Amino acid sequence: MRQIKATASKVLGFFVNPPGQHTLGSGLIVLNDEGLERGIKPRYFEVHSVGERTEVVNDIKPGDIVYVAHGRWSRGIDVGDTKKRNIHSLDPKDILGIYEGEFHESDLSTIS
């Protein structure tokens, strides 16, 4: 992956539960709800980089899973991630919380 670092006032992250239909490792199919009222909900991101002047710089670090208010992220940018994920710019003011504990893909069926 190309090296990319957040600017001073931004947070960069990868979607953990992106909109769109996808299949969990367990085989459970999560339907596409984007554009529907039930699809308007916060989403989870894995933090990649935290700008040094954000209000969350002391609260989150790369690798953390954060809960972000609906639509408070940029379009994804291909940075050559080995997992084929796009990186997104997140609005630090709209990071609602931090997922605590061990995170597994199978958790998505209970947190989306």
N, C-alpha and C. Protein backbone atom coordinates (compact mmCIF):
# COMPACT_ATOMS: atom_id res chain seq x y z
N MET A 1 0.84 -1.18 0.00
CA MET A 1 0.00 0.00 0.00
C MET A 1 0.89 1.24 0.00
N ARG A 2 0.48 2.22 -0.79
CA ARG A 2 1.18 3.50 -0.78
C ARG A 2 1.07 4.11 0.61
N GLN A 3 2.12 4.79 1.02
CA GLN A 3 2.10 5.44 2.33
C GLN A 3 1.27 6.71 2.23
N ILE A 4 0.29 6.83 3.10
CA ILE A 4 -0.55 8.02 3.12
C ILE A 4 -0.82 8.36 4.58
N LYS A 5 -0.75 9.64 4.89
CA LYS A 5 -0.91 10.12 6.26
C LYS A 5 -1.99 11.20 6.26
N ALA A 6 -2.78 11.22 7.31
CA ALA A 6 -3.84 12.23 7.44
C ALA A 6 -3.22 13.62 7.59
N THR A 7 -3.89 14.62 7.01
CA THR A 7 -3.47 15.99 7.26
C THR A 7 -3.81 16.33 8.70
N ALA A 8 -3.34 17.47 9.17
CA ALA A 8 -3.44 17.85 10.57
C ALA A 8 -4.85 17.80 11.14
N SER A 9 -5.86 18.10 10.32
CA SER A 9 -7.22 18.20 10.86
C SER A 9 -8.14 17.06 10.44
N LYS A 10 -7.61 15.99 9.89
CA LYS A 10 -8.43 14.89 9.38
C LYS A 10 -8.08 13.56 10.02
N VAL A 11 -8.97 12.60 9.83
CA VAL A 11 -8.74 11.20 10.20
C VAL A 11 -8.98 10.39 8.93
N LEU A 12 -8.11 9.43 8.66
CA LEU A 12 -8.29 8.54 7.51
C LEU A 12 -8.65 7.16 8.01
N GLY A 13 -9.56 6.48 7.29
CA GLY A 13 -9.96 5.15 7.72
C GLY A 13 -10.52 4.32 6.59
N PHE A 14 -10.66 3.03 6.86
CA PHE A 14 -11.22 2.06 5.93
C PHE A 14 -12.59 1.63 6.45
N PHE A 15 -13.58 1.51 5.54
CA PHE A 15 -14.89 1.00 5.94
C PHE A 15 -14.75 -0.39 6.55
N VAL A 16 -15.46 -0.63 7.64
CA VAL A 16 -15.57 -1.97 8.20
C VAL A 16 -16.89 -2.58 7.74
N ASN A 17 -17.95 -1.79 7.73
CA ASN A 17 -19.26 -2.26 7.24
C ASN A 17 -19.77 -1.32 6.16
N PRO A 18 -19.17 -1.39 4.96
CA PRO A 18 -19.57 -0.46 3.89
C PRO A 18 -21.00 -0.71 3.42
N PRO A 19 -21.62 0.34 2.87
CA PRO A 19 -22.94 0.16 2.28
C PRO A 19 -22.84 -0.80 1.09
N GLY A 20 -23.93 -1.42 0.75
CA GLY A 20 -23.94 -2.34 -0.39
C GLY A 20 -24.11 -3.77 0.09
N GLN A 21 -24.53 -4.63 -0.81
CA GLN A 21 -24.71 -6.03 -0.46
C GLN A 21 -23.35 -6.70 -0.34
N HIS A 22 -23.16 -7.46 0.73
CA HIS A 22 -21.93 -8.23 0.88
C HIS A 22 -22.22 -9.46 1.73
N THR A 23 -21.30 -10.41 1.67
CA THR A 23 -21.45 -11.66 2.40
C THR A 23 -20.41 -11.73 3.51
N LEU A 24 -20.86 -12.00 4.72
CA LEU A 24 -19.95 -12.15 5.85
C LEU A 24 -19.20 -13.47 5.73
N GLY A 25 -18.13 -13.59 6.47
CA GLY A 25 -17.35 -14.82 6.47
C GLY A 25 -18.19 -16.03 6.85
N SER A 26 -19.23 -15.82 7.63
CA SER A 26 -20.11 -16.92 8.05
C SER A 26 -21.07 -17.36 6.95
N GLY A 27 -21.10 -16.58 5.82
CA GLY A 27 -22.02 -16.89 4.73
C GLY A 27 -23.30 -16.08 4.76
N LEU A 28 -23.52 -15.32 5.84
CA LEU A 28 -24.70 -14.49 5.95
C LEU A 28 -24.62 -13.35 4.93
N ILE A 29 -25.68 -13.15 4.14
CA ILE A 29 -25.72 -12.09 3.13
C ILE A 29 -26.37 -10.86 3.75
N VAL A 30 -25.64 -9.74 3.74
CA VAL A 30 -26.16 -8.47 4.23
C VAL A 30 -26.64 -7.70 3.00
N LEU A 31 -27.94 -7.42 2.94
CA LEU A 31 -28.51 -6.76 1.76
C LEU A 31 -28.11 -5.30 1.67
N ASN A 32 -28.16 -4.76 0.46
CA ASN A 32 -27.85 -3.36 0.22
C ASN A 32 -29.03 -2.51 0.69
N ASP A 33 -28.79 -1.65 1.69
CA ASP A 33 -29.84 -0.77 2.18
C ASP A 33 -29.50 0.69 1.91
N GLU A 34 -28.45 0.95 1.15
CA GLU A 34 -28.08 2.33 0.82
C GLU A 34 -29.20 2.98 0.01
N GLY A 35 -29.53 4.20 0.33
CA GLY A 35 -30.60 4.91 -0.37
C GLY A 35 -31.97 4.66 0.23
N LEU A 36 -32.08 3.72 1.13
CA LEU A 36 -33.35 3.46 1.82
C LEU A 36 -33.27 4.09 3.21
N GLU A 37 -34.41 4.38 3.78
CA GLU A 37 -34.41 5.00 5.11
C GLU A 37 -33.63 4.17 6.12
N ARG A 38 -33.78 2.85 6.06
CA ARG A 38 -33.06 2.01 7.03
C ARG A 38 -31.55 1.99 6.76
N GLY A 39 -31.12 2.45 5.59
CA GLY A 39 -29.70 2.51 5.26
C GLY A 39 -29.02 3.76 5.79
N ILE A 40 -29.83 4.70 6.32
CA ILE A 40 -29.27 5.93 6.86
C ILE A 40 -28.92 5.67 8.31
N LYS A 41 -27.68 5.31 8.52
CA LYS A 41 -27.22 4.95 9.86
C LYS A 41 -25.71 5.15 9.94
N PRO A 42 -25.20 5.28 11.14
CA PRO A 42 -23.75 5.39 11.29
C PRO A 42 -23.07 4.12 10.77
N ARG A 43 -21.80 4.25 10.45
CA ARG A 43 -21.01 3.12 9.96
C ARG A 43 -19.71 3.01 10.75
N TYR A 44 -19.12 1.82 10.69
CA TYR A 44 -17.85 1.58 11.37
C TYR A 44 -16.69 1.69 10.40
N PHE A 45 -15.58 2.24 10.89
CA PHE A 45 -14.34 2.39 10.12
C PHE A 45 -13.16 1.92 10.96
N GLU A 46 -12.16 1.37 10.28
CA GLU A 46 -10.88 1.07 10.93
C GLU A 46 -9.98 2.27 10.68
N VAL A 47 -9.46 2.87 11.74
CA VAL A 47 -8.63 4.06 11.64
C VAL A 47 -7.28 3.69 11.02
N HIS A 48 -6.87 4.47 10.03
CA HIS A 48 -5.56 4.30 9.39
C HIS A 48 -4.56 5.34 9.91
N SER A 49 -5.00 6.60 9.99
CA SER A 49 -4.11 7.69 10.39
C SER A 49 -4.94 8.80 11.03
N VAL A 50 -4.35 9.45 12.04
CA VAL A 50 -5.03 10.53 12.77
C VAL A 50 -4.20 11.80 12.67
N GLY A 51 -4.81 12.89 12.19
CA GLY A 51 -4.10 14.17 12.12
C GLY A 51 -3.73 14.67 13.50
N GLU A 52 -2.55 15.31 13.59
CA GLU A 52 -2.02 15.71 14.90
C GLU A 52 -2.76 16.88 15.55
N ARG A 53 -3.63 17.57 14.81
CA ARG A 53 -4.38 18.69 15.41
C ARG A 53 -5.88 18.43 15.48
N THR A 54 -6.30 17.18 15.37
CA THR A 54 -7.73 16.88 15.50
C THR A 54 -8.11 16.81 16.98
N GLU A 55 -9.39 17.01 17.24
CA GLU A 55 -9.85 16.93 18.63
C GLU A 55 -9.87 15.49 19.16
N VAL A 56 -9.64 14.51 18.28
CA VAL A 56 -9.66 13.11 18.71
C VAL A 56 -8.27 12.48 18.76
N VAL A 57 -7.22 13.29 18.56
CA VAL A 57 -5.86 12.76 18.47
C VAL A 57 -5.45 11.98 19.73
N ASN A 58 -5.96 12.36 20.88
CA ASN A 58 -5.62 11.67 22.12
C ASN A 58 -6.57 10.51 22.44
N ASP A 59 -7.63 10.37 21.64
CA ASP A 59 -8.65 9.36 21.92
C ASP A 59 -8.56 8.13 21.02
N ILE A 60 -8.12 8.32 19.78
CA ILE A 60 -8.07 7.19 18.84
C ILE A 60 -6.68 7.05 18.25
N LYS A 61 -6.41 5.85 17.75
CA LYS A 61 -5.11 5.55 17.14
C LYS A 61 -5.33 4.61 15.96
N PRO A 62 -4.35 4.51 15.08
CA PRO A 62 -4.48 3.57 13.96
C PRO A 62 -4.82 2.16 14.45
N GLY A 63 -5.76 1.53 13.74
CA GLY A 63 -6.21 0.20 14.12
C GLY A 63 -7.50 0.19 14.92
N ASP A 64 -7.84 1.32 15.56
CA ASP A 64 -9.10 1.40 16.31
C ASP A 64 -10.28 1.30 15.35
N ILE A 65 -11.39 0.77 15.85
CA ILE A 65 -12.64 0.73 15.11
C ILE A 65 -13.51 1.84 15.69
N VAL A 66 -13.93 2.80 14.82
CA VAL A 66 -14.73 3.93 15.28
C VAL A 66 -16.08 3.94 14.60
N TYR A 67 -17.05 4.53 15.28
CA TYR A 67 -18.44 4.64 14.82
C TYR A 67 -18.62 6.07 14.32
N VAL A 68 -18.98 6.25 13.04
CA VAL A 68 -19.04 7.56 12.41
C VAL A 68 -20.47 7.87 11.96
N ALA A 69 -20.93 9.09 12.23
CA ALA A 69 -22.27 9.51 11.84
C ALA A 69 -22.47 9.31 10.34
N HIS A 70 -23.71 9.00 9.95
CA HIS A 70 -24.02 8.70 8.55
C HIS A 70 -23.57 9.82 7.61
N GLY A 71 -22.84 9.44 6.57
CA GLY A 71 -22.45 10.36 5.52
C GLY A 71 -21.31 11.30 5.85
N ARG A 72 -20.67 11.13 6.99
CA ARG A 72 -19.61 12.04 7.40
C ARG A 72 -18.23 11.50 7.01
N TRP A 73 -18.14 11.05 5.76
CA TRP A 73 -16.88 10.56 5.21
C TRP A 73 -16.82 10.91 3.74
N SER A 74 -15.62 10.91 3.18
CA SER A 74 -15.43 11.24 1.77
C SER A 74 -15.65 10.02 0.90
N ARG A 75 -15.63 10.24 -0.41
CA ARG A 75 -15.61 9.11 -1.34
C ARG A 75 -14.30 8.36 -1.11
N GLY A 76 -14.31 7.08 -1.40
CA GLY A 76 -13.12 6.27 -1.20
C GLY A 76 -12.05 6.55 -2.25
N ILE A 77 -10.80 6.41 -1.84
CA ILE A 77 -9.65 6.60 -2.72
C ILE A 77 -8.83 5.32 -2.71
N ASP A 78 -8.49 4.82 -3.89
CA ASP A 78 -7.66 3.61 -4.01
C ASP A 78 -6.22 3.97 -3.67
N VAL A 79 -5.71 3.35 -2.61
CA VAL A 79 -4.32 3.59 -2.21
C VAL A 79 -3.48 2.32 -2.30
N GLY A 80 -4.00 1.33 -3.03
CA GLY A 80 -3.25 0.09 -3.21
C GLY A 80 -3.25 -0.81 -1.98
N ASP A 81 -4.30 -0.74 -1.18
CA ASP A 81 -4.41 -1.57 0.02
C ASP A 81 -4.40 -3.04 -0.38
N THR A 82 -3.68 -3.87 0.38
CA THR A 82 -3.58 -5.30 0.07
C THR A 82 -4.92 -6.01 0.17
N LYS A 83 -5.87 -5.46 0.96
CA LYS A 83 -7.20 -6.05 1.09
C LYS A 83 -8.18 -5.43 0.10
N LYS A 84 -7.68 -4.61 -0.83
CA LYS A 84 -8.50 -3.96 -1.88
C LYS A 84 -9.54 -2.99 -1.32
N ARG A 85 -9.24 -2.39 -0.16
CA ARG A 85 -10.16 -1.42 0.45
C ARG A 85 -9.75 -0.01 0.02
N ASN A 86 -10.73 0.86 -0.12
CA ASN A 86 -10.47 2.27 -0.38
C ASN A 86 -10.36 2.99 0.95
N ILE A 87 -9.57 4.05 0.97
CA ILE A 87 -9.42 4.84 2.18
C ILE A 87 -10.37 6.04 2.10
N HIS A 88 -10.88 6.48 3.26
CA HIS A 88 -11.84 7.58 3.32
C HIS A 88 -11.35 8.62 4.32
N SER A 89 -11.65 9.87 4.04
CA SER A 89 -11.40 10.95 4.99
C SER A 89 -12.63 11.05 5.88
N LEU A 90 -12.42 11.04 7.19
CA LEU A 90 -13.52 11.10 8.16
C LEU A 90 -13.52 12.46 8.84
N ASP A 91 -14.70 12.95 9.16
CA ASP A 91 -14.81 14.21 9.89
C ASP A 91 -14.65 13.89 11.38
N PRO A 92 -13.56 14.34 12.01
CA PRO A 92 -13.33 13.99 13.43
C PRO A 92 -14.49 14.38 14.35
N LYS A 93 -15.19 15.47 14.04
CA LYS A 93 -16.31 15.91 14.90
C LYS A 93 -17.46 14.93 14.87
N ASP A 94 -17.50 14.08 13.84
CA ASP A 94 -18.62 13.14 13.70
C ASP A 94 -18.25 11.70 14.04
N ILE A 95 -17.12 11.53 14.71
CA ILE A 95 -16.78 10.21 15.24
C ILE A 95 -17.53 10.09 16.56
N LEU A 96 -18.50 9.17 16.58
CA LEU A 96 -19.43 9.07 17.71
C LEU A 96 -18.91 8.21 18.85
N GLY A 97 -18.02 7.28 18.54
CA GLY A 97 -17.55 6.39 19.58
C GLY A 97 -16.46 5.46 19.07
N ILE A 98 -15.90 4.71 20.00
CA ILE A 98 -14.83 3.77 19.70
C ILE A 98 -15.28 2.38 20.13
N TYR A 99 -15.15 1.41 19.22
CA TYR A 99 -15.51 0.03 19.53
C TYR A 99 -14.47 -0.51 20.50
N GLU A 100 -14.90 -1.06 21.61
CA GLU A 100 -13.98 -1.60 22.60
C GLU A 100 -14.00 -3.12 22.56
N GLY A 101 -12.87 -3.71 22.82
CA GLY A 101 -12.76 -5.16 22.83
C GLY A 101 -12.25 -5.69 21.51
N GLU A 102 -12.16 -6.99 21.44
CA GLU A 102 -11.69 -7.67 20.23
C GLU A 102 -12.75 -7.58 19.14
N PHE A 103 -12.36 -7.20 17.93
CA PHE A 103 -13.30 -7.05 16.83
C PHE A 103 -13.09 -8.16 15.82
N HIS A 104 -14.19 -8.78 15.39
CA HIS A 104 -14.17 -9.84 14.37
C HIS A 104 -15.21 -9.53 13.30
N GLU A 105 -14.96 -9.94 12.07
CA GLU A 105 -15.90 -9.68 10.98
C GLU A 105 -17.29 -10.19 11.32
N SER A 106 -17.38 -11.29 12.04
CA SER A 106 -18.70 -11.86 12.37
C SER A 106 -19.49 -10.91 13.27
N ASP A 107 -18.83 -9.94 13.94
CA ASP A 107 -19.53 -8.98 14.78
C ASP A 107 -20.43 -8.06 13.95
N LEU A 108 -20.17 -7.95 12.65
CA LEU A 108 -20.94 -7.03 11.81
C LEU A 108 -22.42 -7.34 11.80
N SER A 109 -22.79 -8.60 11.96
CA SER A 109 -24.20 -8.92 11.92
C SER A 109 -24.95 -8.35 13.12
N THR A 110 -24.23 -7.99 14.17
CA THR A 110 -24.90 -7.46 15.36
C THR A 110 -24.69 -5.97 15.54
N ILE A 111 -23.78 -5.33 14.78
CA ILE A 111 -23.50 -3.92 15.00
C ILE A 111 -23.95 -3.02 13.87
N SER A 112 -24.41 -3.57 12.77
CA SER A 112 -24.81 -2.69 11.68
C SER A 112 -26.19 -2.17 11.94
